[in-house]
Amino acid sequence: MREGHREASFVLRIWSDGERVWRYSLEPLRGGEKRSFARLEELLAAIEREKEEACATESASQP
């Protein structure tokens, strides 16, 4: 793996309740809690937070 390379893997589930309303869940593959979302915007915000946390962790570990 390249230096500074970070990645995260998730299971993303998308389903409809039959009323044209979509639901989403995101579950990390390497342990962690499954999170559910009622809106796509909430899902995207959660992914953005994951990315920011990974970048912050990387910066904190730099000398």
PDB file of N, CA and C in Angstrom:
ATOM      1  N   MET A   1       0.846  -1.166   0.000  1.00  0.00           N
ATOM      2  CA  MET A   1       0.000   0.000   0.000  1.00  0.00           C
ATOM      3  C   MET A   1       0.900   1.240   0.000  1.00  0.00           C
ATOM      4  N   ARG A   2       0.529   2.249  -0.738  1.00  0.00           N
ATOM      5  CA  ARG A   2       1.310   3.479  -0.811  1.00  0.00           C
ATOM      6  C   ARG A   2       1.295   4.206   0.526  1.00  0.00           C
ATOM      7  N   GLU A   3       2.384   4.931   0.795  1.00  0.00           N
ATOM      8  CA  GLU A   3       2.439   5.750   2.004  1.00  0.00           C
ATOM      9  C   GLU A   3       1.341   6.802   1.947  1.00  0.00           C
ATOM     10  N   GLY A   4       0.650   6.971   3.037  1.00  0.00           N
ATOM     11  CA  GLY A   4      -0.435   7.944   3.099  1.00  0.00           C
ATOM     12  C   GLY A   4      -1.751   7.444   2.523  1.00  0.00           C
ATOM     13  N   HIS A   5      -1.740   6.245   1.965  1.00  0.00           N
ATOM     14  CA  HIS A   5      -2.968   5.683   1.382  1.00  0.00           C
ATOM     15  C   HIS A   5      -3.911   5.263   2.491  1.00  0.00           C
ATOM     16  N   ARG A   6      -5.146   5.689   2.399  1.00  0.00           N
ATOM     17  CA  ARG A   6      -6.180   5.293   3.354  1.00  0.00           C
ATOM     18  C   ARG A   6      -7.388   4.807   2.574  1.00  0.00           C
ATOM     19  N   GLU A   7      -8.070   3.851   3.142  1.00  0.00           N
ATOM     20  CA  GLU A   7      -9.306   3.387   2.516  1.00  0.00           C
ATOM     21  C   GLU A   7     -10.239   2.854   3.583  1.00  0.00           C
ATOM     22  N   ALA A   8     -11.491   2.839   3.247  1.00  0.00           N
ATOM     23  CA  ALA A   8     -12.517   2.274   4.113  1.00  0.00           C
ATOM     24  C   ALA A   8     -13.497   1.534   3.214  1.00  0.00           C
ATOM     25  N   SER A   9     -13.948   0.399   3.681  1.00  0.00           N
ATOM     26  CA  SER A   9     -14.899  -0.403   2.914  1.00  0.00           C
ATOM     27  C   SER A   9     -16.192  -0.542   3.703  1.00  0.00           C
ATOM     28  N   PHE A  10     -17.288  -0.429   2.988  1.00  0.00           N
ATOM     29  CA  PHE A  10     -18.601  -0.463   3.613  1.00  0.00           C
ATOM     30  C   PHE A  10     -19.543  -1.331   2.791  1.00  0.00           C
ATOM     31  N   VAL A  11     -20.553  -1.862   3.451  1.00  0.00           N
ATOM     32  CA  VAL A  11     -21.687  -2.452   2.769  1.00  0.00           C
ATOM     33  C   VAL A  11     -22.754  -1.360   2.742  1.00  0.00           C
ATOM     34  N   LEU A  12     -23.183  -1.009   1.563  1.00  0.00           N
ATOM     35  CA  LEU A  12     -24.234  -0.009   1.384  1.00  0.00           C
ATOM     36  C   LEU A  12     -25.485  -0.736   0.936  1.00  0.00           C
ATOM     37  N   ARG A  13     -26.563  -0.534   1.676  1.00  0.00           N
ATOM     38  CA  ARG A  13     -27.849  -1.128   1.298  1.00  0.00           C
ATOM     39  C   ARG A  13     -28.821  -0.002   0.993  1.00  0.00           C
ATOM     40  N   ILE A  14     -29.559  -0.181  -0.090  1.00  0.00           N
ATOM     41  CA  ILE A  14     -30.563   0.795  -0.502  1.00  0.00           C
ATOM     42  C   ILE A  14     -31.845   0.012  -0.766  1.00  0.00           C
ATOM     43  N   TRP A  15     -32.955   0.464  -0.192  1.00  0.00           N
ATOM     44  CA  TRP A  15     -34.218  -0.219  -0.420  1.00  0.00           C
ATOM     45  C   TRP A  15     -35.365   0.774  -0.382  1.00  0.00           C
ATOM     46  N   SER A  16     -36.462   0.344  -0.929  1.00  0.00           N
ATOM     47  CA  SER A  16     -37.674   1.163  -0.946  1.00  0.00           C
ATOM     48  C   SER A  16     -38.725   0.490  -0.093  1.00  0.00           C
ATOM     49  N   ASP A  17     -39.530   1.305   0.568  1.00  0.00           N
ATOM     50  CA  ASP A  17     -40.602   0.747   1.392  1.00  0.00           C
ATOM     51  C   ASP A  17     -41.877   0.519   0.581  1.00  0.00           C
ATOM     52  N   GLY A  18     -41.792   0.679  -0.735  1.00  0.00           N
ATOM     53  CA  GLY A  18     -42.943   0.463  -1.593  1.00  0.00           C
ATOM     54  C   GLY A  18     -43.728   1.726  -1.876  1.00  0.00           C
ATOM     55  N   GLU A  19     -43.418   2.793  -1.188  1.00  0.00           N
ATOM     56  CA  GLU A  19     -44.126   4.064  -1.361  1.00  0.00           C
ATOM     57  C   GLU A  19     -43.243   5.095  -2.061  1.00  0.00           C
ATOM     58  N   ARG A  20     -42.279   4.620  -2.828  1.00  0.00           N
ATOM     59  CA  ARG A  20     -41.332   5.492  -3.524  1.00  0.00           C
ATOM     60  C   ARG A  20     -40.455   6.285  -2.560  1.00  0.00           C
ATOM     61  N   VAL A  21     -40.335   5.785  -1.344  1.00  0.00           N
ATOM     62  CA  VAL A  21     -39.442   6.373  -0.354  1.00  0.00           C
ATOM     63  C   VAL A  21     -38.260   5.428  -0.203  1.00  0.00           C
ATOM     64  N   TRP A  22     -37.072   5.946  -0.369  1.00  0.00           N
ATOM     65  CA  TRP A  22     -35.865   5.133  -0.293  1.00  0.00           C
ATOM     66  C   TRP A  22     -35.212   5.268   1.069  1.00  0.00           C
ATOM     67  N   ARG A  23     -34.631   4.175   1.528  1.00  0.00           N
ATOM     68  CA  ARG A  23     -33.890   4.118   2.784  1.00  0.00           C
ATOM     69  C   ARG A  23     -32.485   3.621   2.478  1.00  0.00           C
ATOM     70  N   TYR A  24     -31.563   3.911   3.405  1.00  0.00           N
ATOM     71  CA  TYR A  24     -30.158   3.581   3.187  1.00  0.00           C
ATOM     72  C   TYR A  24     -29.551   3.081   4.490  1.00  0.00           C
ATOM     73  N   SER A  25     -28.585   2.175   4.375  1.00  0.00           N
ATOM     74  CA  SER A  25     -27.791   1.803   5.541  1.00  0.00           C
ATOM     75  C   SER A  25     -26.342   1.640   5.084  1.00  0.00           C
ATOM     76  N   LEU A  26     -25.443   1.920   6.014  1.00  0.00           N
ATOM     77  CA  LEU A  26     -24.013   1.862   5.750  1.00  0.00           C
ATOM     78  C   LEU A  26     -23.378   1.099   6.903  1.00  0.00           C
ATOM     79  N   GLU A  27     -22.641   0.025   6.568  1.00  0.00           N
ATOM     80  CA  GLU A  27     -22.029  -0.803   7.601  1.00  0.00           C
ATOM     81  C   GLU A  27     -20.559  -1.025   7.262  1.00  0.00           C
ATOM     82  N   PRO A  28     -19.650  -0.627   8.150  1.00  0.00           N
ATOM     83  CA  PRO A  28     -18.225  -0.842   7.888  1.00  0.00           C
ATOM     84  C   PRO A  28     -17.902  -2.330   7.834  1.00  0.00           C
ATOM     85  N   LEU A  29     -17.027  -2.721   6.911  1.00  0.00           N
ATOM     86  CA  LEU A  29     -16.650  -4.130   6.806  1.00  0.00           C
ATOM     87  C   LEU A  29     -15.713  -4.564   7.931  1.00  0.00           C
ATOM     88  N   ARG A  30     -14.935  -3.641   8.464  1.00  0.00           N
ATOM     89  CA  ARG A  30     -13.950  -3.986   9.493  1.00  0.00           C
ATOM     90  C   ARG A  30     -14.460  -3.703  10.895  1.00  0.00           C
ATOM     91  N   GLY A  31     -15.686  -3.981  11.123  1.00  0.00           N
ATOM     92  CA  GLY A  31     -16.261  -3.758  12.440  1.00  0.00           C
ATOM     93  C   GLY A  31     -16.813  -2.352  12.562  1.00  0.00           C
ATOM     94  N   GLY A  32     -17.681  -2.197  13.451  1.00  0.00           N
ATOM     95  CA  GLY A  32     -18.329  -0.913  13.624  1.00  0.00           C
ATOM     96  C   GLY A  32     -19.829  -1.089  13.520  1.00  0.00           C
ATOM     97  N   GLU A  33     -20.505  -0.041  13.826  1.00  0.00           N
ATOM     98  CA  GLU A  33     -21.947  -0.093  13.910  1.00  0.00           C
ATOM     99  C   GLU A  33     -22.613   0.243  12.580  1.00  0.00           C
ATOM    100  N   LYS A  34     -23.636  -0.492  12.233  1.00  0.00           N
ATOM    101  CA  LYS A  34     -24.431  -0.185  11.045  1.00  0.00           C
ATOM    102  C   LYS A  34     -25.249   1.064  11.331  1.00  0.00           C
ATOM    103  N   ARG A  35     -25.261   1.981  10.383  1.00  0.00           N
ATOM    104  CA  ARG A  35     -26.044   3.204  10.531  1.00  0.00           C
ATOM    105  C   ARG A  35     -27.089   3.262   9.435  1.00  0.00           C
ATOM    106  N   SER A  36     -28.263   3.723   9.781  1.00  0.00           N
ATOM    107  CA  SER A  36     -29.369   3.825   8.829  1.00  0.00           C
ATOM    108  C   SER A  36     -29.703   5.290   8.592  1.00  0.00           C
ATOM    109  N   PHE A  37     -30.185   5.564   7.379  1.00  0.00           N
ATOM    110  CA  PHE A  37     -30.478   6.932   6.969  1.00  0.00           C
ATOM    111  C   PHE A  37     -31.803   6.976   6.229  1.00  0.00           C
ATOM    112  N   ALA A  38     -32.568   8.009   6.500  1.00  0.00           N
ATOM    113  CA  ALA A  38     -33.843   8.191   5.816  1.00  0.00           C
ATOM    114  C   ALA A  38     -33.681   9.047   4.563  1.00  0.00           C
ATOM    115  N   ARG A  39     -32.589   9.797   4.494  1.00  0.00           N
ATOM    116  CA  ARG A  39     -32.389  10.700   3.358  1.00  0.00           C
ATOM    117  C   ARG A  39     -31.001  10.499   2.767  1.00  0.00           C
ATOM    118  N   LEU A  40     -30.906  10.603   1.469  1.00  0.00           N
ATOM    119  CA  LEU A  40     -29.634  10.456   0.770  1.00  0.00           C
ATOM    120  C   LEU A  40     -28.616  11.473   1.284  1.00  0.00           C
ATOM    121  N   GLU A  41     -29.062  12.678   1.574  1.00  0.00           N
ATOM    122  CA  GLU A  41     -28.158  13.720   2.061  1.00  0.00           C
ATOM    123  C   GLU A  41     -27.492  13.313   3.377  1.00  0.00           C
ATOM    124  N   GLU A  42     -28.225  12.616   4.238  1.00  0.00           N
ATOM    125  CA  GLU A  42     -27.670  12.138   5.503  1.00  0.00           C
ATOM    126  C   GLU A  42     -26.597  11.083   5.257  1.00  0.00           C
ATOM    127  N   LEU A  43     -26.850  10.186   4.314  1.00  0.00           N
ATOM    128  CA  LEU A  43     -25.874   9.164   3.950  1.00  0.00           C
ATOM    129  C   LEU A  43     -24.596   9.813   3.435  1.00  0.00           C
ATOM    130  N   LEU A  44     -24.723  10.753   2.514  1.00  0.00           N
ATOM    131  CA  LEU A  44     -23.553  11.419   1.942  1.00  0.00           C
ATOM    132  C   LEU A  44     -22.777  12.192   3.001  1.00  0.00           C
ATOM    133  N   ALA A  45     -23.479  12.827   3.932  1.00  0.00           N
ATOM    134  CA  ALA A  45     -22.816  13.547   5.016  1.00  0.00           C
ATOM    135  C   ALA A  45     -22.026  12.578   5.903  1.00  0.00           C
ATOM    136  N   ALA A  46     -22.564  11.404   6.154  1.00  0.00           N
ATOM    137  CA  ALA A  46     -21.869  10.400   6.967  1.00  0.00           C
ATOM    138  C   ALA A  46     -20.602   9.925   6.264  1.00  0.00           C
ATOM    139  N   ILE A  47     -20.659   9.732   4.961  1.00  0.00           N
ATOM    140  CA  ILE A  47     -19.479   9.325   4.203  1.00  0.00           C
ATOM    141  C   ILE A  47     -18.427  10.436   4.254  1.00  0.00           C
ATOM    142  N   GLU A  48     -18.850  11.663   4.117  1.00  0.00           N
ATOM    143  CA  GLU A  48     -17.925  12.799   4.197  1.00  0.00           C
ATOM    144  C   GLU A  48     -17.257  12.858   5.568  1.00  0.00           C
ATOM    145  N   ARG A  49     -18.017  12.623   6.637  1.00  0.00           N
ATOM    146  CA  ARG A  49     -17.437  12.614   7.985  1.00  0.00           C
ATOM    147  C   ARG A  49     -16.396  11.500   8.135  1.00  0.00           C
ATOM    148  N   GLU A  50     -16.696  10.329   7.584  1.00  0.00           N
ATOM    149  CA  GLU A  50     -15.734   9.219   7.628  1.00  0.00           C
ATOM    150  C   GLU A  50     -14.420   9.629   6.971  1.00  0.00           C
ATOM    151  N   LYS A  51     -14.527  10.292   5.831  1.00  0.00           N
ATOM    152  CA  LYS A  51     -13.335  10.737   5.108  1.00  0.00           C
ATOM    153  C   LYS A  51     -12.555  11.760   5.923  1.00  0.00           C
ATOM    154  N   GLU A  52     -13.261  12.731   6.506  1.00  0.00           N
ATOM    155  CA  GLU A  52     -12.603  13.763   7.304  1.00  0.00           C
ATOM    156  C   GLU A  52     -11.919  13.163   8.531  1.00  0.00           C
ATOM    157  N   GLU A  53     -12.564  12.197   9.180  1.00  0.00           N
ATOM    158  CA  GLU A  53     -11.966  11.546  10.345  1.00  0.00           C
ATOM    159  C   GLU A  53     -10.706  10.776   9.950  1.00  0.00           C
ATOM    160  N   ALA A  54     -10.719  10.118   8.808  1.00  0.00           N
ATOM    161  CA  ALA A  54      -9.534   9.385   8.337  1.00  0.00           C
ATOM    162  C   ALA A  54      -8.408  10.363   8.052  1.00  0.00           C
ATOM    163  N   CYS A  55      -8.714  11.515   7.457  1.00  0.00           N
ATOM    164  CA  CYS A  55      -7.687  12.516   7.177  1.00  0.00           C
ATOM    165  C   CYS A  55      -7.137  13.098   8.480  1.00  0.00           C
ATOM    166  N   ALA A  56      -7.997  13.336   9.458  1.00  0.00           N
ATOM    167  CA  ALA A  56      -7.562  13.894  10.741  1.00  0.00           C
ATOM    168  C   ALA A  56      -6.659  12.897  11.466  1.00  0.00           C
ATOM    169  N   THR A  57      -7.019  11.626  11.406  1.00  0.00           N
ATOM    170  CA  THR A  57      -6.206  10.587  12.036  1.00  0.00           C
ATOM    171  C   THR A  57      -4.837  10.521  11.380  1.00  0.00           C
ATOM    172  N   GLU A  58      -4.813  10.627  10.062  1.00  0.00           N
ATOM    173  CA  GLU A  58      -3.550  10.601   9.324  1.00  0.00           C
ATOM    174  C   GLU A  58      -2.690  11.798   9.707  1.00  0.00           C
ATOM    175  N   SER A  59      -3.280  12.983   9.782  1.00  0.00           N
ATOM    176  CA  SER A  59      -2.537  14.196  10.133  1.00  0.00           C
ATOM    177  C   SER A  59      -1.987  14.114  11.560  1.00  0.00           C
ATOM    178  N   ALA A  60      -2.776  13.576  12.470  1.00  0.00           N
ATOM    179  CA  ALA A  60      -2.363  13.475  13.866  1.00  0.00           C
ATOM    180  C   ALA A  60      -1.194  12.510  14.041  1.00  0.00           C
ATOM    181  N   SER A  61      -1.104  11.514  13.163  1.00  0.00           N
ATOM    182  CA  SER A  61      -0.031  10.531  13.286  1.00  0.00           C
ATOM    183  C   SER A  61       1.242  10.953  12.575  1.00  0.00           C
ATOM    184  N   GLN A  62       1.217  12.061  11.850  1.00  0.00           N
ATOM    185  CA  GLN A  62       2.398  12.585  11.155  1.00  0.00           C
ATOM    186  C   GLN A  62       3.315  13.268  12.165  1.00  0.00           C
ATOM    187  N   PRO A  63       4.658  13.099  12.034  1.00  0.00           N
ATOM    188  CA  PRO A  63       5.585  13.756  12.971  1.00  0.00           C
ATOM    189  C   PRO A  63       5.624  15.259  12.764  1.00  0.00           C
TER     190      PRO A  63
END
